C-alpha atoms as a PDB file:
ATOM      1  CA  UNK A   1      98.921 -85.991  41.552  1.00  0.00           C
ATOM      2  CA  UNK A   2      97.661 -87.755  44.678  1.00  0.00           C
ATOM      3  CA  UNK A   3      94.272 -88.152  43.018  1.00  0.00           C
ATOM      4  CA  UNK A   4      95.848 -89.603  39.914  1.00  0.00           C
ATOM      5  CA  UNK A   5      97.761 -92.095  42.035  1.00  0.00           C
ATOM      6  CA  UNK A   6      94.627 -93.038  43.952  1.00  0.00           C
ATOM      7  CA  UNK A   7      92.690 -93.647  40.733  1.00  0.00           C
ATOM      8  CA  UNK A   8      95.553 -95.569  39.201  1.00  0.00           C
ATOM      9  CA  UNK A   9      95.797 -97.816  42.263  1.00  0.00           C
ATOM     10  CA  UNK A  10      92.032 -98.376  42.097  1.00  0.00           C
ATOM     11  CA  UNK A  11      92.304 -99.328  38.413  1.00  0.00           C
ATOM     12  CA  UNK A  12      95.232-101.618  39.219  1.00  0.00           C
ATOM     13  CA  UNK A  13      93.179-103.612  41.680  1.00  0.00           C
ATOM     14  CA  UNK A  14      90.021-103.834  39.564  1.00  0.00           C
ATOM     15  CA  UNK A  15      91.471-106.308  37.051  1.00  0.00           C
ATOM     16  CA  UNK A  16      90.530-109.411  39.009  1.00  0.00           C
ATOM     17  CA  UNK A  17      88.679-110.780  36.030  1.00  0.00           C
ATOM     18  CA  UNK A  18      92.005-111.496  34.364  1.00  0.00           C
ATOM     19  CA  UNK A  19      93.961-112.113  37.519  1.00  0.00           C
ATOM     20  CA  UNK A  20      94.361-115.865  37.198  1.00  0.00           C
ATOM     21  CA  UNK A  21      95.088-115.922  33.482  1.00  0.00           C
ATOM     22  CA  UNK A  22      97.352-112.931  33.606  1.00  0.00           C
ATOM     23  CA  UNK A  23      99.196-114.105  36.683  1.00  0.00           C
ATOM     24  CA  UNK A  24      99.757-117.528  35.101  1.00  0.00           C
ATOM     25  CA  UNK A  25     101.008-115.911  31.912  1.00  0.00           C
ATOM     26  CA  UNK A  26     103.379-113.664  33.858  1.00  0.00           C
ATOM     27  CA  UNK A  27     104.616-116.545  36.009  1.00  0.00           C
ATOM     28  CA  UNK A  28     105.364-118.572  32.890  1.00  0.00           C
ATOM     29  CA  UNK A  29     107.301-115.662  31.407  1.00  0.00           C
ATOM     30  CA  UNK A  30     104.893-115.260  28.474  1.00  0.00           C
ATOM     31  CA  UNK A  31     103.850-111.654  29.121  1.00  0.00           C
ATOM     32  CA  UNK A  32     105.243-108.695  31.066  1.00  0.00           C
ATOM     33  CA  UNK A  33     104.954-104.989  31.515  1.00  0.00           C
ATOM     34  CA  UNK A  34     106.000-102.989  28.482  1.00  0.00           C
ATOM     35  CA  UNK A  35     107.332 -99.405  28.244  1.00  0.00           C
ATOM     36  CA  UNK A  36     105.440 -98.640  25.012  1.00  0.00           C
ATOM     37  CA  UNK A  37     102.352-100.769  25.735  1.00  0.00           C
ATOM     38  CA  UNK A  38     100.569-101.737  28.905  1.00  0.00           C
ATOM     39  CA  UNK A  39     101.447-105.423  28.731  1.00  0.00           C
ATOM     40  CA  UNK A  40     103.139-107.356  25.902  1.00  0.00           C
ATOM     41  CA  UNK A  41     104.542-110.774  24.938  1.00  0.00           C
ATOM     42  CA  UNK A  42     107.987-111.394  26.333  1.00  0.00           C
ATOM     43  CA  UNK A  43     108.942-113.870  23.603  1.00  0.00           C
ATOM     44  CA  UNK A  44     107.782-114.007  20.050  1.00  0.00           C
ATOM     45  CA  UNK A  45     105.807-115.323  18.261  1.00  0.00           C
ATOM     46  CA  UNK A  46     102.618-114.119  19.957  1.00  0.00           C
ATOM     47  CA  UNK A  47     100.433-117.099  20.952  1.00  0.00           C
ATOM     48  CA  UNK A  48      96.781-116.524  19.795  1.00  0.00           C
ATOM     49  CA  UNK A  49      95.275-117.037  23.279  1.00  0.00           C
ATOM     50  CA  UNK A  50      97.819-114.614  24.851  1.00  0.00           C
ATOM     51  CA  UNK A  51      97.268-112.099  22.060  1.00  0.00           C
ATOM     52  CA  UNK A  52      93.595-112.002  22.916  1.00  0.00           C
ATOM     53  CA  UNK A  53      94.373-111.621  26.655  1.00  0.00           C
ATOM     54  CA  UNK A  54      96.850-108.819  25.904  1.00  0.00           C
ATOM     55  CA  UNK A  55      94.390-106.938  23.709  1.00  0.00           C
ATOM     56  CA  UNK A  56      91.627-107.292  26.263  1.00  0.00           C
ATOM     57  CA  UNK A  57      93.739-106.099  29.243  1.00  0.00           C
ATOM     58  CA  UNK A  58      95.345-103.272  27.249  1.00  0.00           C
ATOM     59  CA  UNK A  59      91.973-102.127  25.928  1.00  0.00           C
ATOM     60  CA  UNK A  60      90.470-102.034  29.413  1.00  0.00           C
ATOM     61  CA  UNK A  61      93.561-100.213  30.767  1.00  0.00           C
ATOM     62  CA  UNK A  62      93.364 -97.620  28.039  1.00  0.00           C
ATOM     63  CA  UNK A  63      89.655 -96.999  28.728  1.00  0.00           C
ATOM     64  CA  UNK A  64      90.359 -96.564  32.456  1.00  0.00           C
ATOM     65  CA  UNK A  65      93.267 -94.252  31.660  1.00  0.00           C
ATOM     66  CA  UNK A  66      91.026 -92.177  29.395  1.00  0.00           C
ATOM     67  CA  UNK A  67      88.542 -91.962  32.254  1.00  0.00           C
ATOM     68  CA  UNK A  68      91.305 -90.827  34.640  1.00  0.00           C
ATOM     69  CA  UNK A  69      92.477 -88.247  32.078  1.00  0.00           C
ATOM     70  CA  UNK A  70      88.966 -86.814  31.815  1.00  0.00           C
ATOM     71  CA  UNK A  71      88.545 -86.702  35.630  1.00  0.00           C
ATOM     72  CA  UNK A  72      91.954 -85.320  36.461  1.00  0.00           C
ATOM     73  CA  UNK A  73      92.680 -83.181  33.420  1.00  0.00           C
ATOM     74  CA  UNK A  74      96.147 -84.728  32.778  1.00  0.00           C
ATOM     75  CA  UNK A  75      97.722 -86.307  29.744  1.00  0.00           C
ATOM     76  CA  UNK A  76      97.135 -90.057  29.075  1.00  0.00           C
ATOM     77  CA  UNK A  77     100.888 -90.527  28.811  1.00  0.00           C
ATOM     78  CA  UNK A  78     101.247 -89.300  32.445  1.00  0.00           C
ATOM     79  CA  UNK A  79      98.645 -91.820  33.638  1.00  0.00           C
ATOM     80  CA  UNK A  80     100.080 -94.747  31.647  1.00  0.00           C
ATOM     81  CA  UNK A  81     103.670 -93.926  32.746  1.00  0.00           C
ATOM     82  CA  UNK A  82     102.676 -93.825  36.346  1.00  0.00           C
ATOM     83  CA  UNK A  83     100.763 -97.065  36.043  1.00  0.00           C
ATOM     84  CA  UNK A  84     103.828 -98.596  34.470  1.00  0.00           C
ATOM     85  CA  UNK A  85     106.021 -97.396  37.348  1.00  0.00           C
ATOM     86  CA  UNK A  86     103.633 -98.897  39.897  1.00  0.00           C
ATOM     87  CA  UNK A  87     103.364-102.216  37.953  1.00  0.00           C
ATOM     88  CA  UNK A  88     107.186-102.542  37.836  1.00  0.00           C
ATOM     89  CA  UNK A  89     107.469-101.807  41.565  1.00  0.00           C
ATOM     90  CA  UNK A  90     104.818-104.416  42.309  1.00  0.00           C
ATOM     91  CA  UNK A  91     106.081-107.041  39.895  1.00  0.00           C
ATOM     92  CA  UNK A  92     106.668-110.367  41.566  1.00  0.00           C
ATOM     93  CA  UNK A  93     110.127-111.877  41.484  1.00  0.00           C
ATOM     94  CA  UNK A  94     110.550-113.853  38.233  1.00  0.00           C
ATOM     95  CA  UNK A  95     108.150-111.660  36.247  1.00  0.00           C
ATOM     96  CA  UNK A  96     109.296-109.674  33.233  1.00  0.00           C
ATOM     97  CA  UNK A  97     109.161-105.991  32.518  1.00  0.00           C
ATOM     98  CA  UNK A  98     110.660-103.694  29.891  1.00  0.00           C
ATOM     99  CA  UNK A  99     113.172-101.119  31.111  1.00  0.00           C
ATOM    100  CA  UNK A 100     113.658 -97.575  29.822  1.00  0.00           C
ATOM    101  CA  UNK A 101     116.007 -98.811  27.065  1.00  0.00           C
ATOM    102  CA  UNK A 102     113.459-101.327  25.784  1.00  0.00           C
ATOM    103  CA  UNK A 103     115.345-104.361  27.128  1.00  0.00           C
ATOM    104  CA  UNK A 104     113.379-107.159  28.792  1.00  0.00           C
ATOM    105  CA  UNK A 105     114.360-107.669  32.379  1.00  0.00           C
ATOM    106  CA  UNK A 106     113.370-110.337  34.857  1.00  0.00           C
ATOM    107  CA  UNK A 107     112.691-109.046  38.331  1.00  0.00           C
END
């Protein structure tokens, strides 16, 4: 499990390409961590530009999760759940996340 956590933390910090756009979107309350997805729109309707960002980030996350699954021999759900837990813990005050019941919460 320690290896999984290390890989997840590495993946978490490798997303600097989207850092500015994603940080700005989170700060504006447009996107947040989701329980069933990696990130998702907080409010509907989905804005085209944000939709593209979400798809790109989620696609990259899924690819990295698949890589972790292959290396560690664990289920992708374990990896994505752990990443979600870490993301919620590290969320900045004012950013949104989805709790276990599916409700949107502001940290």
